[in-house]
N, C-alpha and C. Protein backbone atom coordinates (compact mmCIF):
# COMPACT_ATOMS: atom_id res chain seq x y z
N MET A 1 -140.06 -127.44 -0.67
CA MET A 1 -140.70 -127.17 -1.92
C MET A 1 -141.74 -126.08 -1.82
N ILE A 2 -142.28 -126.00 -0.73
CA ILE A 2 -143.28 -124.98 -0.52
C ILE A 2 -142.63 -123.62 -0.73
N LYS A 3 -141.45 -123.46 -0.28
CA LYS A 3 -140.78 -122.22 -0.46
C LYS A 3 -140.56 -121.93 -1.93
N LYS A 4 -140.21 -122.92 -2.68
CA LYS A 4 -139.98 -122.75 -4.10
C LYS A 4 -141.25 -122.33 -4.79
N GLN A 5 -142.33 -122.93 -4.43
CA GLN A 5 -143.60 -122.55 -5.03
C GLN A 5 -143.93 -121.12 -4.71
N SER A 6 -143.70 -120.71 -3.53
CA SER A 6 -144.02 -119.36 -3.15
C SER A 6 -143.13 -118.39 -3.90
N LYS A 7 -141.88 -118.76 -4.12
CA LYS A 7 -141.01 -117.89 -4.88
C LYS A 7 -141.49 -117.82 -6.32
N THR A 8 -141.87 -118.89 -6.87
CA THR A 8 -142.33 -118.93 -8.23
C THR A 8 -143.61 -118.11 -8.35
N LYS A 9 -144.45 -118.22 -7.38
CA LYS A 9 -145.67 -117.44 -7.40
C LYS A 9 -145.33 -115.96 -7.32
N LYS A 10 -144.36 -115.64 -6.45
CA LYS A 10 -143.94 -114.25 -6.32
C LYS A 10 -143.31 -113.79 -7.64
N ASP A 11 -142.46 -114.64 -8.19
CA ASP A 11 -141.84 -114.32 -9.49
C ASP A 11 -142.92 -114.16 -10.54
N SER A 12 -143.90 -114.99 -10.48
CA SER A 12 -145.01 -114.94 -11.42
C SER A 12 -145.78 -113.65 -11.25
N GLU A 13 -146.02 -113.26 -10.01
CA GLU A 13 -146.72 -112.00 -9.75
C GLU A 13 -145.89 -110.83 -10.22
N LEU A 14 -144.62 -110.92 -9.96
CA LEU A 14 -143.72 -109.87 -10.38
C LEU A 14 -143.70 -109.80 -11.90
N SER A 15 -143.64 -110.91 -12.52
CA SER A 15 -143.66 -110.94 -13.97
C SER A 15 -144.98 -110.39 -14.47
N HIS A 16 -146.02 -110.78 -13.83
CA HIS A 16 -147.34 -110.29 -14.23
C HIS A 16 -147.40 -108.76 -14.07
N GLN A 17 -146.90 -108.25 -12.98
CA GLN A 17 -146.86 -106.80 -12.75
C GLN A 17 -145.94 -106.12 -13.76
N ASP A 18 -144.81 -106.78 -14.03
CA ASP A 18 -143.89 -106.23 -15.04
C ASP A 18 -144.56 -106.16 -16.41
N ILE A 19 -145.29 -107.21 -16.71
CA ILE A 19 -145.98 -107.26 -18.02
C ILE A 19 -147.03 -106.15 -18.07
N ILE A 20 -147.78 -105.99 -17.02
CA ILE A 20 -148.82 -104.95 -16.98
C ILE A 20 -148.17 -103.58 -17.09
N ARG A 21 -147.09 -103.38 -16.32
CA ARG A 21 -146.39 -102.11 -16.37
C ARG A 21 -145.82 -101.89 -17.79
N HIS A 22 -145.25 -102.96 -18.33
CA HIS A 22 -144.71 -102.86 -19.69
C HIS A 22 -145.83 -102.48 -20.69
N PHE A 23 -146.96 -103.17 -20.60
CA PHE A 23 -148.08 -102.84 -21.49
C PHE A 23 -148.60 -101.43 -21.25
N ASP A 24 -148.65 -101.02 -20.00
CA ASP A 24 -149.07 -99.65 -19.69
C ASP A 24 -148.11 -98.64 -20.32
N GLU A 25 -146.80 -98.91 -20.18
CA GLU A 25 -145.81 -98.02 -20.79
C GLU A 25 -145.97 -97.98 -22.31
N LYS A 26 -146.11 -99.17 -22.88
CA LYS A 26 -146.25 -99.24 -24.34
C LYS A 26 -147.55 -98.58 -24.80
N THR A 27 -148.59 -98.76 -24.00
CA THR A 27 -149.87 -98.13 -24.33
C THR A 27 -149.72 -96.62 -24.29
N GLU A 28 -149.06 -96.12 -23.25
CA GLU A 28 -148.83 -94.68 -23.13
C GLU A 28 -147.94 -94.18 -24.26
N GLU A 29 -146.91 -94.96 -24.57
CA GLU A 29 -146.01 -94.59 -25.67
C GLU A 29 -146.76 -94.57 -27.01
N THR A 30 -147.60 -95.56 -27.22
CA THR A 30 -148.40 -95.63 -28.45
C THR A 30 -149.38 -94.46 -28.51
N LYS A 31 -149.99 -94.16 -27.35
CA LYS A 31 -150.92 -93.02 -27.29
C LYS A 31 -150.20 -91.72 -27.63
N ARG A 32 -149.00 -91.51 -27.05
CA ARG A 32 -148.23 -90.30 -27.36
C ARG A 32 -147.87 -90.26 -28.85
N HIS A 33 -147.47 -91.42 -29.37
CA HIS A 33 -147.11 -91.49 -30.79
C HIS A 33 -148.31 -91.12 -31.67
N PHE A 34 -149.48 -91.70 -31.37
CA PHE A 34 -150.68 -91.39 -32.15
C PHE A 34 -151.08 -89.93 -31.99
N ASP A 35 -150.94 -89.40 -30.77
CA ASP A 35 -151.25 -87.99 -30.55
C ASP A 35 -150.33 -87.10 -31.38
N GLU A 36 -149.03 -87.43 -31.40
CA GLU A 36 -148.07 -86.66 -32.20
C GLU A 36 -148.43 -86.74 -33.68
N LYS A 37 -148.69 -87.96 -34.12
CA LYS A 37 -149.02 -88.15 -35.54
C LYS A 37 -150.34 -87.47 -35.90
N THR A 38 -151.28 -87.49 -34.96
CA THR A 38 -152.56 -86.82 -35.19
C THR A 38 -152.34 -85.32 -35.32
N GLU A 39 -151.52 -84.75 -34.42
CA GLU A 39 -151.22 -83.32 -34.48
C GLU A 39 -150.47 -82.99 -35.77
N GLU A 40 -149.53 -83.86 -36.13
CA GLU A 40 -148.76 -83.64 -37.37
C GLU A 40 -149.70 -83.67 -38.58
N ALA A 41 -150.60 -84.64 -38.61
CA ALA A 41 -151.56 -84.73 -39.72
C ALA A 41 -152.48 -83.51 -39.72
N LYS A 42 -152.91 -83.10 -38.53
CA LYS A 42 -153.78 -81.92 -38.43
C LYS A 42 -153.07 -80.68 -38.97
N ARG A 43 -151.80 -80.48 -38.56
CA ARG A 43 -151.02 -79.34 -39.07
C ARG A 43 -150.88 -79.42 -40.59
N HIS A 44 -150.59 -80.61 -41.07
CA HIS A 44 -150.44 -80.79 -42.52
C HIS A 44 -151.75 -80.44 -43.25
N PHE A 45 -152.85 -80.96 -42.76
CA PHE A 45 -154.14 -80.67 -43.40
C PHE A 45 -154.50 -79.19 -43.28
N ASP A 46 -154.17 -78.58 -42.13
CA ASP A 46 -154.43 -77.14 -41.98
C ASP A 46 -153.61 -76.34 -42.98
N GLU A 47 -152.32 -76.72 -43.15
CA GLU A 47 -151.47 -76.04 -44.14
C GLU A 47 -152.04 -76.21 -45.54
N LYS A 48 -152.41 -77.44 -45.87
CA LYS A 48 -152.95 -77.70 -47.21
C LYS A 48 -154.28 -76.99 -47.41
N THR A 49 -155.07 -76.90 -46.36
CA THR A 49 -156.35 -76.19 -46.45
C THR A 49 -156.10 -74.72 -46.74
N GLU A 50 -155.15 -74.12 -46.02
CA GLU A 50 -154.82 -72.71 -46.26
C GLU A 50 -154.26 -72.50 -47.66
N GLU A 51 -153.40 -73.42 -48.08
CA GLU A 51 -152.82 -73.32 -49.43
C GLU A 51 -153.91 -73.41 -50.49
N THR A 52 -154.82 -74.36 -50.31
CA THR A 52 -155.94 -74.52 -51.25
C THR A 52 -156.84 -73.29 -51.22
N LYS A 53 -157.08 -72.76 -50.04
CA LYS A 53 -157.92 -71.56 -49.93
C LYS A 53 -157.27 -70.39 -50.67
N ARG A 54 -155.95 -70.20 -50.48
CA ARG A 54 -155.24 -69.12 -51.18
C ARG A 54 -155.35 -69.32 -52.70
N HIS A 55 -155.17 -70.56 -53.12
CA HIS A 55 -155.24 -70.86 -54.55
C HIS A 55 -156.63 -70.50 -55.10
N PHE A 56 -157.66 -70.94 -54.40
CA PHE A 56 -159.01 -70.66 -54.88
C PHE A 56 -159.35 -69.18 -54.79
N ASP A 57 -158.78 -68.48 -53.80
CA ASP A 57 -158.98 -67.03 -53.75
C ASP A 57 -158.39 -66.36 -54.98
N ILE A 58 -157.20 -66.82 -55.39
CA ILE A 58 -156.56 -66.26 -56.59
C ILE A 58 -157.39 -66.59 -57.82
N VAL A 59 -157.84 -67.84 -57.92
CA VAL A 59 -158.66 -68.25 -59.07
C VAL A 59 -159.96 -67.44 -59.09
N ALA A 60 -160.57 -67.28 -57.93
CA ALA A 60 -161.83 -66.51 -57.86
C ALA A 60 -161.60 -65.06 -58.26
N GLU A 61 -160.50 -64.48 -57.83
CA GLU A 61 -160.19 -63.09 -58.19
C GLU A 61 -159.99 -62.97 -59.70
N ASP A 62 -159.27 -63.93 -60.27
CA ASP A 62 -159.04 -63.93 -61.71
C ASP A 62 -160.35 -64.06 -62.47
N LEU A 63 -161.19 -64.99 -62.03
CA LEU A 63 -162.49 -65.17 -62.69
C LEU A 63 -163.35 -63.92 -62.55
N THR A 64 -163.31 -63.31 -61.39
CA THR A 64 -164.10 -62.10 -61.16
C THR A 64 -163.66 -60.99 -62.11
N SER A 65 -162.36 -60.82 -62.28
CA SER A 65 -161.88 -59.76 -63.18
C SER A 65 -162.27 -60.08 -64.62
N LYS A 66 -162.21 -61.34 -65.00
CA LYS A 66 -162.61 -61.71 -66.37
C LYS A 66 -164.11 -61.50 -66.58
N ILE A 67 -164.89 -61.81 -65.57
CA ILE A 67 -166.35 -61.61 -65.66
C ILE A 67 -166.65 -60.12 -65.77
N GLU A 68 -165.91 -59.30 -65.03
CA GLU A 68 -166.12 -57.84 -65.12
C GLU A 68 -165.81 -57.34 -66.52
N ILE A 69 -164.74 -57.84 -67.12
CA ILE A 69 -164.38 -57.45 -68.49
C ILE A 69 -165.49 -57.84 -69.45
N ILE A 70 -166.00 -59.05 -69.29
CA ILE A 70 -167.08 -59.52 -70.16
C ILE A 70 -168.33 -58.66 -69.94
N SER A 71 -168.62 -58.33 -68.69
CA SER A 71 -169.79 -57.50 -68.38
C SER A 71 -169.68 -56.14 -69.06
N GLU A 72 -168.49 -55.55 -68.99
CA GLU A 72 -168.29 -54.25 -69.64
C GLU A 72 -168.49 -54.37 -71.15
N ALA A 73 -167.98 -55.46 -71.72
CA ALA A 73 -168.13 -55.66 -73.16
C ALA A 73 -169.60 -55.84 -73.52
N VAL A 74 -170.32 -56.57 -72.70
CA VAL A 74 -171.75 -56.79 -72.96
C VAL A 74 -172.51 -55.47 -72.89
N LEU A 75 -172.11 -54.60 -71.96
CA LEU A 75 -172.78 -53.31 -71.84
C LEU A 75 -172.55 -52.44 -73.08
N GLU A 76 -171.46 -52.69 -73.80
CA GLU A 76 -171.14 -51.92 -75.00
C GLU A 76 -171.91 -52.42 -76.23
N ILE A 77 -172.51 -53.57 -76.15
CA ILE A 77 -173.18 -54.17 -77.31
C ILE A 77 -174.25 -53.25 -77.91
N PRO A 78 -175.14 -52.62 -77.12
CA PRO A 78 -176.14 -51.72 -77.72
C PRO A 78 -175.50 -50.57 -78.51
N ALA A 79 -174.43 -49.98 -77.97
CA ALA A 79 -173.77 -48.88 -78.68
C ALA A 79 -173.13 -49.39 -79.97
N ILE A 80 -172.53 -50.55 -79.91
CA ILE A 80 -171.90 -51.14 -81.10
C ILE A 80 -172.99 -51.45 -82.13
N LYS A 81 -174.10 -52.00 -81.67
CA LYS A 81 -175.21 -52.33 -82.58
C LYS A 81 -175.73 -51.05 -83.25
N SER A 82 -175.86 -49.99 -82.48
CA SER A 82 -176.32 -48.71 -83.02
C SER A 82 -175.34 -48.20 -84.07
N SER A 83 -174.04 -48.30 -83.78
CA SER A 83 -173.02 -47.87 -84.74
C SER A 83 -173.10 -48.68 -86.02
N VAL A 84 -173.29 -49.97 -85.87
CA VAL A 84 -173.40 -50.83 -87.05
C VAL A 84 -174.61 -50.45 -87.88
N GLU A 85 -175.73 -50.17 -87.21
CA GLU A 85 -176.94 -49.77 -87.94
C GLU A 85 -176.69 -48.46 -88.69
N SER A 86 -176.02 -47.50 -88.03
CA SER A 86 -175.71 -46.23 -88.69
C SER A 86 -174.82 -46.47 -89.90
N MET A 87 -173.83 -47.33 -89.73
CA MET A 87 -172.93 -47.63 -90.84
C MET A 87 -173.68 -48.30 -91.99
N LYS A 88 -174.62 -49.18 -91.65
CA LYS A 88 -175.42 -49.83 -92.69
C LYS A 88 -176.20 -48.79 -93.49
N GLU A 89 -176.77 -47.83 -92.77
CA GLU A 89 -177.51 -46.77 -93.45
C GLU A 89 -176.58 -45.96 -94.35
N MET A 90 -175.39 -45.64 -93.83
CA MET A 90 -174.42 -44.88 -94.64
C MET A 90 -174.00 -45.67 -95.88
N VAL A 91 -173.78 -46.95 -95.71
CA VAL A 91 -173.39 -47.79 -96.84
C VAL A 91 -174.53 -47.82 -97.86
N GLY A 92 -175.75 -47.93 -97.38
CA GLY A 92 -176.91 -47.91 -98.30
C GLY A 92 -176.98 -46.61 -99.07
N LYS A 93 -176.81 -45.49 -98.36
CA LYS A 93 -176.83 -44.18 -99.03
C LYS A 93 -175.67 -44.07 -100.02
N ASN A 94 -174.49 -44.50 -99.61
CA ASN A 94 -173.33 -44.46 -100.52
C ASN A 94 -173.57 -45.32 -101.75
N SER A 95 -174.21 -46.47 -101.55
CA SER A 95 -174.51 -47.34 -102.69
C SER A 95 -175.44 -46.63 -103.68
N GLU A 96 -176.44 -45.93 -103.13
CA GLU A 96 -177.36 -45.18 -103.99
C GLU A 96 -176.61 -44.08 -104.74
N ASP A 97 -175.75 -43.35 -104.00
CA ASP A 97 -174.96 -42.29 -104.62
C ASP A 97 -174.06 -42.84 -105.72
N ILE A 98 -173.46 -43.99 -105.46
CA ILE A 98 -172.58 -44.60 -106.46
C ILE A 98 -173.37 -44.96 -107.71
N GLU A 99 -174.57 -45.46 -107.53
CA GLU A 99 -175.41 -45.80 -108.69
C GLU A 99 -175.73 -44.55 -109.51
N VAL A 100 -176.04 -43.44 -108.82
CA VAL A 100 -176.32 -42.18 -109.52
C VAL A 100 -175.07 -41.73 -110.28
N ILE A 101 -173.92 -41.82 -109.62
CA ILE A 101 -172.66 -41.42 -110.28
C ILE A 101 -172.41 -42.30 -111.50
N LYS A 102 -172.64 -43.58 -111.38
CA LYS A 102 -172.44 -44.48 -112.53
C LYS A 102 -173.35 -44.10 -113.70
N MET A 103 -174.61 -43.78 -113.36
CA MET A 103 -175.54 -43.38 -114.44
C MET A 103 -175.07 -42.07 -115.08
N ASP A 104 -174.60 -41.12 -114.26
CA ASP A 104 -174.09 -39.86 -114.80
C ASP A 104 -172.89 -40.11 -115.72
N ILE A 105 -172.01 -40.99 -115.31
CA ILE A 105 -170.84 -41.31 -116.13
C ILE A 105 -171.27 -41.92 -117.46
N GLN A 106 -172.24 -42.83 -117.39
CA GLN A 106 -172.74 -43.44 -118.63
C GLN A 106 -173.31 -42.38 -119.57
N SER A 107 -174.05 -41.46 -118.99
CA SER A 107 -174.63 -40.38 -119.78
C SER A 107 -173.54 -39.51 -120.39
N MET A 108 -172.54 -39.17 -119.63
CA MET A 108 -171.42 -38.36 -120.13
C MET A 108 -170.69 -39.10 -121.25
N LYS A 109 -170.50 -40.41 -121.08
CA LYS A 109 -169.84 -41.18 -122.13
C LYS A 109 -170.64 -41.10 -123.43
N HIS A 110 -171.93 -41.27 -123.29
CA HIS A 110 -172.80 -41.23 -124.48
C HIS A 110 -172.72 -39.85 -125.15
N MET A 111 -172.76 -38.79 -124.33
CA MET A 111 -172.70 -37.43 -124.88
C MET A 111 -171.34 -37.18 -125.54
N LEU A 112 -170.30 -37.65 -124.94
CA LEU A 112 -168.97 -37.46 -125.51
C LEU A 112 -168.81 -38.22 -126.82
N ARG A 113 -169.43 -39.36 -126.95
CA ARG A 113 -169.37 -40.11 -128.21
C ARG A 113 -170.04 -39.34 -129.33
N ARG A 114 -171.07 -38.60 -128.97
CA ARG A 114 -171.80 -37.84 -129.97
C ARG A 114 -171.06 -36.57 -130.38
N LYS A 115 -170.18 -36.07 -129.55
CA LYS A 115 -169.44 -34.85 -129.87
C LYS A 115 -168.29 -35.19 -130.81
N VAL A 116 -167.87 -34.19 -131.53
CA VAL A 116 -166.76 -34.34 -132.46
C VAL A 116 -165.48 -34.17 -131.69
N ASP A 117 -164.50 -35.02 -132.00
CA ASP A 117 -163.23 -34.82 -131.32
C ASP A 117 -162.45 -33.70 -131.96
N VAL A 118 -161.34 -33.29 -131.41
CA VAL A 118 -160.55 -32.14 -131.82
C VAL A 118 -160.06 -32.30 -133.26
N GLU A 119 -159.59 -33.46 -133.60
CA GLU A 119 -159.07 -33.68 -134.97
C GLU A 119 -160.18 -33.54 -136.00
N GLU A 120 -161.33 -34.14 -135.69
CA GLU A 120 -162.45 -34.04 -136.62
C GLU A 120 -162.89 -32.58 -136.75
N PHE A 121 -162.85 -31.86 -135.68
CA PHE A 121 -163.23 -30.46 -135.70
C PHE A 121 -162.26 -29.64 -136.57
N ALA A 122 -160.99 -29.91 -136.45
CA ALA A 122 -159.98 -29.20 -137.27
C ALA A 122 -160.22 -29.47 -138.75
N VAL A 123 -160.53 -30.72 -139.08
CA VAL A 123 -160.79 -31.07 -140.48
C VAL A 123 -162.03 -30.32 -140.97
N LEU A 124 -163.08 -30.29 -140.12
CA LEU A 124 -164.30 -29.60 -140.51
C LEU A 124 -164.06 -28.09 -140.68
N GLU A 125 -163.24 -27.49 -139.84
CA GLU A 125 -162.92 -26.07 -139.98
C GLU A 125 -162.23 -25.79 -141.32
N LYS A 126 -161.32 -26.65 -141.70
CA LYS A 126 -160.62 -26.47 -142.98
C LYS A 126 -161.60 -26.57 -144.14
N ARG A 127 -162.49 -27.52 -144.06
CA ARG A 127 -163.46 -27.68 -145.15
C ARG A 127 -164.36 -26.46 -145.26
N VAL A 128 -164.80 -25.96 -144.10
CA VAL A 128 -165.67 -24.77 -144.10
C VAL A 128 -164.88 -23.58 -144.65
N ALA A 129 -163.63 -23.44 -144.21
CA ALA A 129 -162.81 -22.32 -144.71
C ALA A 129 -162.63 -22.44 -146.21
N THR A 130 -162.42 -23.64 -146.70
CA THR A 130 -162.23 -23.85 -148.13
C THR A 130 -163.52 -23.47 -148.87
N LEU A 131 -164.63 -23.90 -148.35
CA LEU A 131 -165.91 -23.59 -149.00
C LEU A 131 -166.17 -22.08 -148.95
N GLU A 132 -165.85 -21.45 -147.89
CA GLU A 132 -166.06 -20.01 -147.79
C GLU A 132 -165.17 -19.27 -148.80
N ASN A 133 -163.97 -19.72 -148.98
CA ASN A 133 -163.05 -19.08 -149.93
C ASN A 133 -163.58 -19.25 -151.36
N LYS A 134 -164.21 -20.36 -151.66
CA LYS A 134 -164.73 -20.59 -152.99
C LYS A 134 -165.95 -19.73 -153.21
N LEU A 135 -166.61 -19.36 -152.27
CA LEU A 135 -167.79 -18.55 -152.45
C LEU A 135 -167.40 -17.17 -152.48
């Protein structure tokens, strides 16, 4: 029996060593797996980071060009304001001129009403000619 015990102990040691070796292998395999997955995740995040950076560079460029357009428009505001003021003055002067023209037209209408029209003048000429012939 002593021999059997020693064999069992040896088998037990062997099993224990096998288990340790097995766990070591599995630990190494798990470590390699995690390292691979870590590298894969790192590559993925690096790709996404670059993609996001490119996207934001495009957005920033677009915003910059729009801001430049707005800046140029803002710089034109004083010139536009000056033009508007000039136009306001011209409109004011034109309004005054129109009022003068309206008054002139009213005056002409009044003067024309006081004048004899062509038919009335012809009748008056005949009457004068008739009176002259009688005299």
